[in-house]
C-alpha atoms as a PDB file:
ATOM      1  CA  UNK A   1       3.049  45.226 -49.274  1.00  0.00           C
ATOM      2  CA  UNK A   2       2.178  41.854 -50.816  1.00  0.00           C
ATOM      3  CA  UNK A   3      -1.260  40.255 -50.555  1.00  0.00           C
ATOM      4  CA  UNK A   4      -0.102  37.744 -47.909  1.00  0.00           C
ATOM      5  CA  UNK A   5       1.789  40.528 -45.979  1.00  0.00           C
ATOM      6  CA  UNK A   6      -1.426  42.565 -45.796  1.00  0.00           C
ATOM      7  CA  UNK A   7      -3.477  39.539 -44.666  1.00  0.00           C
ATOM      8  CA  UNK A   8      -0.997  38.711 -41.878  1.00  0.00           C
ATOM      9  CA  UNK A   9      -0.926  42.297 -40.686  1.00  0.00           C
ATOM     10  CA  UNK A  10      -4.720  42.321 -40.366  1.00  0.00           C
ATOM     11  CA  UNK A  11      -4.671  38.911 -38.693  1.00  0.00           C
ATOM     12  CA  UNK A  12      -2.307  40.181 -36.104  1.00  0.00           C
ATOM     13  CA  UNK A  13      -4.145  43.504 -35.642  1.00  0.00           C
ATOM     14  CA  UNK A  14      -7.386  41.766 -34.899  1.00  0.00           C
ATOM     15  CA  UNK A  15      -6.019  38.891 -32.716  1.00  0.00           C
ATOM     16  CA  UNK A  16      -2.580  39.227 -31.072  1.00  0.00           C
ATOM     17  CA  UNK A  17      -2.883  42.948 -30.729  1.00  0.00           C
ATOM     18  CA  UNK A  18      -6.552  43.764 -30.615  1.00  0.00           C
ATOM     19  CA  UNK A  19      -7.737  40.674 -28.773  1.00  0.00           C
ATOM     20  CA  UNK A  20     -10.957  40.885 -30.841  1.00  0.00           C
ATOM     21  CA  UNK A  21     -11.421  37.167 -31.248  1.00  0.00           C
ATOM     22  CA  UNK A  22     -14.774  37.194 -33.074  1.00  0.00           C
ATOM     23  CA  UNK A  23     -13.284  39.456 -35.700  1.00  0.00           C
ATOM     24  CA  UNK A  24     -10.075  37.422 -35.759  1.00  0.00           C
ATOM     25  CA  UNK A  25     -11.976  34.248 -36.710  1.00  0.00           C
ATOM     26  CA  UNK A  26     -13.298  35.987 -39.821  1.00  0.00           C
ATOM     27  CA  UNK A  27      -9.614  35.959 -41.096  1.00  0.00           C
ATOM     28  CA  UNK A  28     -10.142  32.226 -41.802  1.00  0.00           C
ATOM     29  CA  UNK A  29     -11.906  30.598 -44.768  1.00  0.00           C
ATOM     30  CA  UNK A  30     -15.171  28.920 -44.104  1.00  0.00           C
ATOM     31  CA  UNK A  31     -13.542  25.442 -44.349  1.00  0.00           C
ATOM     32  CA  UNK A  32     -10.318  26.303 -42.564  1.00  0.00           C
ATOM     33  CA  UNK A  33      -8.628  23.658 -40.349  1.00  0.00           C
ATOM     34  CA  UNK A  34      -7.025  24.717 -37.050  1.00  0.00           C
ATOM     35  CA  UNK A  35      -4.753  22.322 -35.322  1.00  0.00           C
ATOM     36  CA  UNK A  36      -3.936  23.088 -31.642  1.00  0.00           C
ATOM     37  CA  UNK A  37      -1.483  20.152 -31.075  1.00  0.00           C
ATOM     38  CA  UNK A  38      -2.440  19.735 -27.426  1.00  0.00           C
ATOM     39  CA  UNK A  39      -6.171  20.647 -27.378  1.00  0.00           C
ATOM     40  CA  UNK A  40      -7.332  19.187 -30.675  1.00  0.00           C
ATOM     41  CA  UNK A  41      -8.299  19.911 -34.325  1.00  0.00           C
ATOM     42  CA  UNK A  42     -11.044  22.321 -35.269  1.00  0.00           C
ATOM     43  CA  UNK A  43     -12.800  22.450 -38.640  1.00  0.00           C
ATOM     44  CA  UNK A  44     -14.509  25.550 -39.981  1.00  0.00           C
ATOM     45  CA  UNK A  45     -15.056  28.979 -38.556  1.00  0.00           C
ATOM     46  CA  UNK A  46     -17.752  27.830 -36.089  1.00  0.00           C
ATOM     47  CA  UNK A  47     -15.542  25.293 -34.353  1.00  0.00           C
ATOM     48  CA  UNK A  48     -12.605  27.659 -34.330  1.00  0.00           C
ATOM     49  CA  UNK A  49     -14.827  30.445 -32.839  1.00  0.00           C
ATOM     50  CA  UNK A  50     -16.128  28.167 -30.098  1.00  0.00           C
ATOM     51  CA  UNK A  51     -12.685  27.022 -29.236  1.00  0.00           C
ATOM     52  CA  UNK A  52     -11.028  30.483 -29.142  1.00  0.00           C
ATOM     53  CA  UNK A  53     -13.858  31.969 -27.097  1.00  0.00           C
ATOM     54  CA  UNK A  54     -13.605  29.153 -24.508  1.00  0.00           C
ATOM     55  CA  UNK A  55      -9.811  29.201 -24.288  1.00  0.00           C
ATOM     56  CA  UNK A  56      -9.298  32.998 -24.176  1.00  0.00           C
ATOM     57  CA  UNK A  57     -12.202  33.298 -21.787  1.00  0.00           C
ATOM     58  CA  UNK A  58     -10.129  31.575 -19.137  1.00  0.00           C
ATOM     59  CA  UNK A  59      -7.225  33.964 -19.580  1.00  0.00           C
ATOM     60  CA  UNK A  60      -8.694  37.355 -20.660  1.00  0.00           C
ATOM     61  CA  UNK A  61      -5.548  39.183 -19.310  1.00  0.00           C
ATOM     62  CA  UNK A  62      -3.120  37.332 -21.646  1.00  0.00           C
ATOM     63  CA  UNK A  63      -1.331  39.495 -24.246  1.00  0.00           C
ATOM     64  CA  UNK A  64       0.823  38.381 -27.186  1.00  0.00           C
ATOM     65  CA  UNK A  65       4.008  39.419 -28.874  1.00  0.00           C
ATOM     66  CA  UNK A  66       5.307  38.203 -32.188  1.00  0.00           C
ATOM     67  CA  UNK A  67       9.030  37.967 -31.984  1.00  0.00           C
ATOM     68  CA  UNK A  68       9.513  37.040 -35.666  1.00  0.00           C
ATOM     69  CA  UNK A  69       7.666  35.980 -38.719  1.00  0.00           C
ATOM     70  CA  UNK A  70       8.757  34.164 -41.863  1.00  0.00           C
ATOM     71  CA  UNK A  71       6.802  34.010 -45.138  1.00  0.00           C
ATOM     72  CA  UNK A  72       7.618  31.392 -47.781  1.00  0.00           C
ATOM     73  CA  UNK A  73       5.191  31.027 -50.610  1.00  0.00           C
ATOM     74  CA  UNK A  74       1.712  30.617 -49.164  1.00  0.00           C
ATOM     75  CA  UNK A  75       2.995  29.575 -45.655  1.00  0.00           C
ATOM     76  CA  UNK A  76       3.691  31.841 -42.723  1.00  0.00           C
ATOM     77  CA  UNK A  77       5.711  30.837 -39.616  1.00  0.00           C
ATOM     78  CA  UNK A  78       5.498  32.843 -36.433  1.00  0.00           C
ATOM     79  CA  UNK A  79       7.207  32.772 -33.097  1.00  0.00           C
ATOM     80  CA  UNK A  80       4.675  34.110 -30.571  1.00  0.00           C
ATOM     81  CA  UNK A  81       5.086  34.971 -26.865  1.00  0.00           C
ATOM     82  CA  UNK A  82       1.954  34.350 -24.630  1.00  0.00           C
ATOM     83  CA  UNK A  83       2.344  36.770 -21.717  1.00  0.00           C
ATOM     84  CA  UNK A  84       0.523  37.217 -18.431  1.00  0.00           C
ATOM     85  CA  UNK A  85       0.558  40.461 -16.419  1.00  0.00           C
ATOM     86  CA  UNK A  86       2.678  41.064 -13.342  1.00  0.00           C
ATOM     87  CA  UNK A  87       0.565  40.426 -10.260  1.00  0.00           C
ATOM     88  CA  UNK A  88       2.990  42.518  -8.243  1.00  0.00           C
ATOM     89  CA  UNK A  89       6.082  40.346  -8.003  1.00  0.00           C
ATOM     90  CA  UNK A  90       8.270  42.037 -10.585  1.00  0.00           C
ATOM     91  CA  UNK A  91       8.579  38.704 -12.404  1.00  0.00           C
ATOM     92  CA  UNK A  92       7.779  37.756 -15.902  1.00  0.00           C
ATOM     93  CA  UNK A  93       5.275  35.140 -16.783  1.00  0.00           C
ATOM     94  CA  UNK A  94       5.300  33.885 -20.403  1.00  0.00           C
ATOM     95  CA  UNK A  95       5.755  30.955 -22.729  1.00  0.00           C
ATOM     96  CA  UNK A  96       6.209  30.644 -26.478  1.00  0.00           C
ATOM     97  CA  UNK A  97       4.549  28.807 -29.326  1.00  0.00           C
ATOM     98  CA  UNK A  98       5.310  28.460 -33.035  1.00  0.00           C
ATOM     99  CA  UNK A  99       2.325  28.918 -35.331  1.00  0.00           C
ATOM    100  CA  UNK A 100       2.194  27.832 -39.089  1.00  0.00           C
ATOM    101  CA  UNK A 101      -0.439  29.558 -41.244  1.00  0.00           C
ATOM    102  CA  UNK A 102      -1.487  28.639 -44.712  1.00  0.00           C
ATOM    103  CA  UNK A 103      -2.777  31.435 -46.943  1.00  0.00           C
ATOM    104  CA  UNK A 104      -5.978  30.605 -48.838  1.00  0.00           C
ATOM    105  CA  UNK A 105      -6.389  33.748 -50.932  1.00  0.00           C
ATOM    106  CA  UNK A 106      -8.827  36.678 -50.809  1.00  0.00           C
ATOM    107  CA  UNK A 107      -7.029  37.933 -47.607  1.00  0.00           C
ATOM    108  CA  UNK A 108      -7.995  34.752 -45.742  1.00  0.00           C
ATOM    109  CA  UNK A 109      -6.099  31.805 -44.148  1.00  0.00           C
ATOM    110  CA  UNK A 110      -7.069  28.220 -44.802  1.00  0.00           C
ATOM    111  CA  UNK A 111      -5.170  26.491 -41.969  1.00  0.00           C
ATOM    112  CA  UNK A 112      -3.218  27.043 -38.838  1.00  0.00           C
ATOM    113  CA  UNK A 113      -1.163  24.803 -36.586  1.00  0.00           C
ATOM    114  CA  UNK A 114       0.155  25.735 -33.124  1.00  0.00           C
ATOM    115  CA  UNK A 115       3.057  23.919 -31.452  1.00  0.00           C
ATOM    116  CA  UNK A 116       4.314  24.492 -27.947  1.00  0.00           C
ATOM    117  CA  UNK A 117       5.357  22.760 -24.758  1.00  0.00           C
ATOM    118  CA  UNK A 118       2.144  22.109 -22.743  1.00  0.00           C
ATOM    119  CA  UNK A 119       4.202  21.394 -19.636  1.00  0.00           C
ATOM    120  CA  UNK A 120       5.903  24.712 -19.769  1.00  0.00           C
ATOM    121  CA  UNK A 121       2.642  26.543 -20.359  1.00  0.00           C
ATOM    122  CA  UNK A 122       1.051  24.800 -17.341  1.00  0.00           C
ATOM    123  CA  UNK A 123       4.103  25.687 -15.201  1.00  0.00           C
ATOM    124  CA  UNK A 124       3.910  29.388 -16.201  1.00  0.00           C
ATOM    125  CA  UNK A 125       0.131  29.644 -15.510  1.00  0.00           C
ATOM    126  CA  UNK A 126       0.471  27.731 -12.199  1.00  0.00           C
ATOM    127  CA  UNK A 127       3.219  30.094 -10.981  1.00  0.00           C
ATOM    128  CA  UNK A 128       1.223  33.125 -12.015  1.00  0.00           C
ATOM    129  CA  UNK A 129      -1.862  31.956 -10.090  1.00  0.00           C
ATOM    130  CA  UNK A 130       0.300  30.985  -7.045  1.00  0.00           C
ATOM    131  CA  UNK A 131       1.853  34.409  -7.075  1.00  0.00           C
ATOM    132  CA  UNK A 132      -1.501  36.227  -7.082  1.00  0.00           C
ATOM    133  CA  UNK A 133      -2.430  36.316 -10.779  1.00  0.00           C
ATOM    134  CA  UNK A 134      -6.141  36.696 -11.339  1.00  0.00           C
ATOM    135  CA  UNK A 135      -8.502  37.097 -14.293  1.00  0.00           C
ATOM    136  CA  UNK A 136      -9.489  40.661 -13.247  1.00  0.00           C
ATOM    137  CA  UNK A 137      -6.004  42.002 -13.676  1.00  0.00           C
ATOM    138  CA  UNK A 138      -5.672  44.433 -16.567  1.00  0.00           C
ATOM    139  CA  UNK A 139      -3.869  43.310 -19.790  1.00  0.00           C
ATOM    140  CA  UNK A 140      -0.264  44.475 -19.674  1.00  0.00           C
ATOM    141  CA  UNK A 141       0.437  45.609 -23.224  1.00  0.00           C
ATOM    142  CA  UNK A 142       3.944  46.008 -24.536  1.00  0.00           C
ATOM    143  CA  UNK A 143       5.396  42.806 -23.054  1.00  0.00           C
ATOM    144  CA  UNK A 144       7.872  41.148 -25.337  1.00  0.00           C
ATOM    145  CA  UNK A 145       9.995  38.032 -25.000  1.00  0.00           C
ATOM    146  CA  UNK A 146      11.807  37.043 -21.883  1.00  0.00           C
ATOM    147  CA  UNK A 147      15.569  37.763 -22.109  1.00  0.00           C
ATOM    148  CA  UNK A 148      17.670  34.640 -21.679  1.00  0.00           C
ATOM    149  CA  UNK A 149      14.685  32.293 -21.838  1.00  0.00           C
ATOM    150  CA  UNK A 150      15.882  28.826 -22.273  1.00  0.00           C
ATOM    151  CA  UNK A 151      14.007  26.117 -20.345  1.00  0.00           C
ATOM    152  CA  UNK A 152      15.716  22.905 -19.545  1.00  0.00           C
ATOM    153  CA  UNK A 153      14.670  20.105 -21.930  1.00  0.00           C
ATOM    154  CA  UNK A 154      12.198  17.586 -20.394  1.00  0.00           C
ATOM    155  CA  UNK A 155      13.438  14.240 -19.278  1.00  0.00           C
ATOM    156  CA  UNK A 156      12.543  11.508 -21.815  1.00  0.00           C
ATOM    157  CA  UNK A 157       9.793   9.203 -20.617  1.00  0.00           C
ATOM    158  CA  UNK A 158      11.750   6.224 -22.178  1.00  0.00           C
ATOM    159  CA  UNK A 159      15.395   5.431 -22.566  1.00  0.00           C
ATOM    160  CA  UNK A 160      17.175   5.979 -25.877  1.00  0.00           C
ATOM    161  CA  UNK A 161      17.911   2.263 -26.098  1.00  0.00           C
ATOM    162  CA  UNK A 162      14.249   1.410 -25.670  1.00  0.00           C
ATOM    163  CA  UNK A 163      13.161   3.941 -28.269  1.00  0.00           C
ATOM    164  CA  UNK A 164      15.828   2.888 -30.760  1.00  0.00           C
ATOM    165  CA  UNK A 165      14.917  -0.747 -30.353  1.00  0.00           C
ATOM    166  CA  UNK A 166      11.227  -0.114 -30.847  1.00  0.00           C
ATOM    167  CA  UNK A 167      11.952   2.020 -33.901  1.00  0.00           C
ATOM    168  CA  UNK A 168      13.864  -0.780 -35.503  1.00  0.00           C
ATOM    169  CA  UNK A 169      10.894  -3.162 -34.712  1.00  0.00           C
ATOM    170  CA  UNK A 170       8.591  -0.583 -36.214  1.00  0.00           C
ATOM    171  CA  UNK A 171      10.676  -0.705 -39.463  1.00  0.00           C
ATOM    172  CA  UNK A 172      10.595  -4.421 -39.492  1.00  0.00           C
ATOM    173  CA  UNK A 173       6.850  -4.513 -39.135  1.00  0.00           C
ATOM    174  CA  UNK A 174       6.590  -2.124 -42.056  1.00  0.00           C
ATOM    175  CA  UNK A 175       8.755  -4.368 -44.140  1.00  0.00           C
ATOM    176  CA  UNK A 176       6.569  -7.369 -43.292  1.00  0.00           C
ATOM    177  CA  UNK A 177       3.555  -5.345 -44.182  1.00  0.00           C
ATOM    178  CA  UNK A 178       5.051  -4.539 -47.559  1.00  0.00           C
ATOM    179  CA  UNK A 179       5.896  -8.260 -48.148  1.00  0.00           C
ATOM    180  CA  UNK A 180       2.477  -9.580 -47.104  1.00  0.00           C
ATOM    181  CA  UNK A 181       0.178  -6.758 -47.907  1.00  0.00           C
ATOM    182  CA  UNK A 182      -1.217  -6.978 -44.297  1.00  0.00           C
ATOM    183  CA  UNK A 183      -0.837  -3.780 -42.406  1.00  0.00           C
ATOM    184  CA  UNK A 184      -2.609  -4.867 -39.252  1.00  0.00           C
ATOM    185  CA  UNK A 185       0.548  -5.787 -37.282  1.00  0.00           C
ATOM    186  CA  UNK A 186       1.941  -2.295 -38.240  1.00  0.00           C
ATOM    187  CA  UNK A 187      -1.214  -0.620 -36.958  1.00  0.00           C
ATOM    188  CA  UNK A 188      -1.243  -2.657 -33.747  1.00  0.00           C
ATOM    189  CA  UNK A 189       1.988  -1.019 -32.650  1.00  0.00           C
ATOM    190  CA  UNK A 190       0.205   2.334 -32.044  1.00  0.00           C
ATOM    191  CA  UNK A 191      -1.445   3.117 -28.688  1.00  0.00           C
ATOM    192  CA  UNK A 192      -5.215   3.408 -28.548  1.00  0.00           C
ATOM    193  CA  UNK A 193      -4.993   7.137 -28.246  1.00  0.00           C
ATOM    194  CA  UNK A 194      -2.148   7.668 -30.832  1.00  0.00           C
ATOM    195  CA  UNK A 195      -2.349  10.534 -33.310  1.00  0.00           C
ATOM    196  CA  UNK A 196      -1.006  10.095 -36.767  1.00  0.00           C
ATOM    197  CA  UNK A 197      -0.671  13.221 -38.838  1.00  0.00           C
ATOM    198  CA  UNK A 198      -0.284  12.905 -42.601  1.00  0.00           C
ATOM    199  CA  UNK A 199       0.120  16.466 -43.848  1.00  0.00           C
ATOM    200  CA  UNK A 200      -1.919  15.803 -47.019  1.00  0.00           C
ATOM    201  CA  UNK A 201      -4.546  13.274 -45.916  1.00  0.00           C
ATOM    202  CA  UNK A 202      -5.253  14.571 -42.464  1.00  0.00           C
ATOM    203  CA  UNK A 203      -4.898  13.572 -38.808  1.00  0.00           C
ATOM    204  CA  UNK A 204      -6.039  10.197 -37.611  1.00  0.00           C
ATOM    205  CA  UNK A 205      -6.660   9.453 -33.982  1.00  0.00           C
ATOM    206  CA  UNK A 206      -6.452   6.030 -32.429  1.00  0.00           C
ATOM    207  CA  UNK A 207      -5.636   2.570 -33.785  1.00  0.00           C
ATOM    208  CA  UNK A 208      -8.843   2.069 -35.708  1.00  0.00           C
ATOM    209  CA  UNK A 209      -8.503   5.307 -37.729  1.00  0.00           C
ATOM    210  CA  UNK A 210      -4.818   4.665 -38.386  1.00  0.00           C
ATOM    211  CA  UNK A 211      -5.564   1.064 -39.476  1.00  0.00           C
ATOM    212  CA  UNK A 212      -8.379   2.109 -41.828  1.00  0.00           C
ATOM    213  CA  UNK A 213      -6.277   4.857 -43.406  1.00  0.00           C
ATOM    214  CA  UNK A 214      -3.076   2.816 -43.981  1.00  0.00           C
ATOM    215  CA  UNK A 215      -5.062  -0.168 -45.318  1.00  0.00           C
ATOM    216  CA  UNK A 216      -6.863   2.024 -47.844  1.00  0.00           C
ATOM    217  CA  UNK A 217      -3.955   4.180 -48.948  1.00  0.00           C
ATOM    218  CA  UNK A 218      -1.530   1.337 -49.414  1.00  0.00           C
ATOM    219  CA  UNK A 219      -3.898  -0.913 -51.405  1.00  0.00           C
ATOM    220  CA  UNK A 220      -3.076   0.687 -54.803  1.00  0.00           C
ATOM    221  CA  UNK A 221       0.686   0.495 -54.076  1.00  0.00           C
ATOM    222  CA  UNK A 222       1.348  -3.054 -52.808  1.00  0.00           C
ATOM    223  CA  UNK A 223       4.995  -3.060 -53.806  1.00  0.00           C
ATOM    224  CA  UNK A 224       6.035   0.311 -52.472  1.00  0.00           C
ATOM    225  CA  UNK A 225       9.195   0.201 -50.367  1.00  0.00           C
ATOM    226  CA  UNK A 226      10.366   2.484 -47.585  1.00  0.00           C
ATOM    227  CA  UNK A 227      14.183   2.381 -47.260  1.00  0.00           C
ATOM    228  CA  UNK A 228      15.556   4.500 -44.393  1.00  0.00           C
ATOM    229  CA  UNK A 229      18.752   4.895 -42.387  1.00  0.00           C
ATOM    230  CA  UNK A 230      18.662   6.459 -38.974  1.00  0.00           C
ATOM    231  CA  UNK A 231      21.014   9.500 -38.498  1.00  0.00           C
ATOM    232  CA  UNK A 232      23.779   9.195 -35.958  1.00  0.00           C
ATOM    233  CA  UNK A 233      24.364  11.118 -32.667  1.00  0.00           C
ATOM    234  CA  UNK A 234      25.548  14.138 -34.561  1.00  0.00           C
ATOM    235  CA  UNK A 235      21.952  14.676 -35.507  1.00  0.00           C
ATOM    236  CA  UNK A 236      22.387  14.307 -39.181  1.00  0.00           C
ATOM    237  CA  UNK A 237      19.167  14.091 -41.257  1.00  0.00           C
ATOM    238  CA  UNK A 238      17.342  10.902 -40.513  1.00  0.00           C
ATOM    239  CA  UNK A 239      15.938  10.159 -43.990  1.00  0.00           C
ATOM    240  CA  UNK A 240      18.783   8.400 -45.737  1.00  0.00           C
ATOM    241  CA  UNK A 241      18.832   5.165 -47.640  1.00  0.00           C
ATOM    242  CA  UNK A 242      18.498   3.347 -50.930  1.00  0.00           C
ATOM    243  CA  UNK A 243      16.391   4.794 -53.739  1.00  0.00           C
ATOM    244  CA  UNK A 244      12.691   4.606 -53.039  1.00  0.00           C
ATOM    245  CA  UNK A 245      10.764   2.510 -55.615  1.00  0.00           C
ATOM    246  CA  UNK A 246       7.181   2.686 -56.662  1.00  0.00           C
ATOM    247  CA  UNK A 247       6.354  -0.208 -58.958  1.00  0.00           C
ATOM    248  CA  UNK A 248       3.355  -0.676 -61.165  1.00  0.00           C
ATOM    249  CA  UNK A 249       2.346   2.929 -61.367  1.00  0.00           C
ATOM    250  CA  UNK A 250       1.566   4.599 -64.672  1.00  0.00           C
ATOM    251  CA  UNK A 251       1.940   2.125 -67.568  1.00  0.00           C
ATOM    252  CA  UNK A 252       4.064  -0.121 -65.455  1.00  0.00           C
ATOM    253  CA  UNK A 253       6.956   2.293 -65.169  1.00  0.00           C
ATOM    254  CA  UNK A 254       9.114   2.519 -62.068  1.00  0.00           C
ATOM    255  CA  UNK A 255      10.160   5.875 -60.591  1.00  0.00           C
ATOM    256  CA  UNK A 256      13.524   5.755 -58.925  1.00  0.00           C
ATOM    257  CA  UNK A 257      14.590   8.689 -56.782  1.00  0.00           C
ATOM    258  CA  UNK A 258      18.294   8.577 -56.182  1.00  0.00           C
ATOM    259  CA  UNK A 259      19.525  10.389 -53.066  1.00  0.00           C
ATOM    260  CA  UNK A 260      23.175  11.499 -52.761  1.00  0.00           C
ATOM    261  CA  UNK A 261      24.719   9.519 -49.973  1.00  0.00           C
ATOM    262  CA  UNK A 262      27.895   9.446 -47.866  1.00  0.00           C
ATOM    263  CA  UNK A 263      27.916   5.647 -47.543  1.00  0.00           C
ATOM    264  CA  UNK A 264      30.401   4.226 -50.135  1.00  0.00           C
ATOM    265  CA  UNK A 265      28.078   1.392 -51.164  1.00  0.00           C
ATOM    266  CA  UNK A 266      25.336   3.932 -52.035  1.00  0.00           C
ATOM    267  CA  UNK A 267      27.713   6.339 -53.753  1.00  0.00           C
ATOM    268  CA  UNK A 268      28.555   3.498 -56.152  1.00  0.00           C
ATOM    269  CA  UNK A 269      25.108   3.521 -57.640  1.00  0.00           C
ATOM    270  CA  UNK A 270      26.160   5.271 -60.835  1.00  0.00           C
ATOM    271  CA  UNK A 271      23.214   5.358 -63.321  1.00  0.00           C
ATOM    272  CA  UNK A 272      19.531   5.464 -63.135  1.00  0.00           C
ATOM    273  CA  UNK A 273      17.363   5.381 -66.239  1.00  0.00           C
ATOM    274  CA  UNK A 274      14.054   6.939 -65.091  1.00  0.00           C
ATOM    275  CA  UNK A 275      11.844   5.543 -67.919  1.00  0.00           C
ATOM    276  CA  UNK A 276      13.084   2.067 -67.849  1.00  0.00           C
ATOM    277  CA  UNK A 277      14.018   1.721 -64.190  1.00  0.00           C
ATOM    278  CA  UNK A 278      17.347   0.085 -64.933  1.00  0.00           C
ATOM    279  CA  UNK A 279      20.094   0.428 -62.235  1.00  0.00           C
ATOM    280  CA  UNK A 280      23.634   0.000 -63.285  1.00  0.00           C
ATOM    281  CA  UNK A 281      26.002  -0.459 -60.329  1.00  0.00           C
ATOM    282  CA  UNK A 282      29.299   1.409 -60.592  1.00  0.00           C
ATOM    283  CA  UNK A 283      32.759   0.184 -59.921  1.00  0.00           C
ATOM    284  CA  UNK A 284      35.882   1.419 -58.280  1.00  0.00           C
ATOM    285  CA  UNK A 285      36.471   4.401 -55.879  1.00  0.00           C
ATOM    286  CA  UNK A 286      36.800   7.124 -58.502  1.00  0.00           C
ATOM    287  CA  UNK A 287      34.335  10.006 -58.304  1.00  0.00           C
ATOM    288  CA  UNK A 288      31.542  10.379 -60.778  1.00  0.00           C
ATOM    289  CA  UNK A 289      29.638  13.048 -62.720  1.00  0.00           C
ATOM    290  CA  UNK A 290      25.940  13.017 -63.475  1.00  0.00           C
ATOM    291  CA  UNK A 291      25.258  13.420 -67.131  1.00  0.00           C
ATOM    292  CA  UNK A 292      21.754  14.322 -68.482  1.00  0.00           C
ATOM    293  CA  UNK A 293      20.638  13.497 -72.022  1.00  0.00           C
ATOM    294  CA  UNK A 294      17.218  13.766 -73.615  1.00  0.00           C
ATOM    295  CA  UNK A 295      15.820  11.243 -76.159  1.00  0.00           C
ATOM    296  CA  UNK A 296      12.599  12.732 -77.340  1.00  0.00           C
ATOM    297  CA  UNK A 297      10.455  13.043 -74.171  1.00  0.00           C
ATOM    298  CA  UNK A 298      12.464  10.502 -72.206  1.00  0.00           C
ATOM    299  CA  UNK A 299      15.100  11.918 -69.885  1.00  0.00           C
ATOM    300  CA  UNK A 300      18.132   9.662 -69.133  1.00  0.00           C
ATOM    301  CA  UNK A 301      20.585  10.271 -66.297  1.00  0.00           C
ATOM    302  CA  UNK A 302      23.942   8.623 -66.729  1.00  0.00           C
ATOM    303  CA  UNK A 303      27.166   8.901 -64.690  1.00  0.00           C
ATOM    304  CA  UNK A 304      30.659   9.180 -66.057  1.00  0.00           C
ATOM    305  CA  UNK A 305      33.667   8.123 -64.008  1.00  0.00           C
ATOM    306  CA  UNK A 306      35.986  11.046 -63.235  1.00  0.00           C
ATOM    307  CA  UNK A 307      39.230  10.600 -61.575  1.00  0.00           C
ATOM    308  CA  UNK A 308      39.760  12.578 -58.418  1.00  0.00           C
ATOM    309  CA  UNK A 309      36.327  14.056 -57.550  1.00  0.00           C
ATOM    310  CA  UNK A 310      32.540  14.232 -57.953  1.00  0.00           C
ATOM    311  CA  UNK A 311      32.507  16.806 -60.725  1.00  0.00           C
ATOM    312  CA  UNK A 312      29.384  18.690 -61.744  1.00  0.00           C
ATOM    313  CA  UNK A 313      26.273  18.008 -63.836  1.00  0.00           C
ATOM    314  CA  UNK A 314      26.805  18.212 -67.524  1.00  0.00           C
ATOM    315  CA  UNK A 315      23.907  18.161 -70.042  1.00  0.00           C
ATOM    316  CA  UNK A 316      24.306  16.424 -73.330  1.00  0.00           C
END
């Protein structure tokens, strides 16, 4: 068993299976960050302990079942059922959440984020109480997932046309901010209680925090561009577009990241020299092959026209 496997097993033994929440909190580092996407963000063991005591104190009869776990590097993903005991109706009362854990070493976790549908959780709890569920009922161990569970998706609060229109306006405000260096208009488009999560810098709540963060973080990169093409109704990945450019960084060099595209105009971008930042548009409809060549420490990517296909990558 690996170090992270052992830590996860102990984490589950104390919390999901043992319901010993004071002991469970000790599975986090002193500076851990716990994000409960509906109830808030908690920093450090003391805040996490206060939150879990308060939350689980309201539902001491709740039990948990982990349907699956996935470990990738120092991250753990879990699909967890939150189950309430049968008050005598023969029905099942449960909802699911996905939890993402970050392993911090020494058998402890440095972060956790929980994601679920609050409306579904409230519905389940409301039905349980209406059907006679009470806090004094004993915990019903051994409950797993609910067979055939597939709730209807919620009705969107706004139409697709409105969302799409506002998203394009959002993009235009970002373009103007890049052109002028003034990010105030971009920040103004968030609601006063908006939450902006930047996975490296943190979570910012409200217009003022978002404005302060974006103004500060963009100041060193006044010429950064954010090309993007929205995916179609077939739910293709949404991040598509021209190469992203960062100018003026590191001895004035430009870093061009070329993404493979389906759009013909973008496929014709044939060659990118990473050190010099020179883009050489291609011609014609023939396929192309990426060719890599090293000149000292400088790596050059070129493309060679190949009739009848894309070919592969060939080092030279």
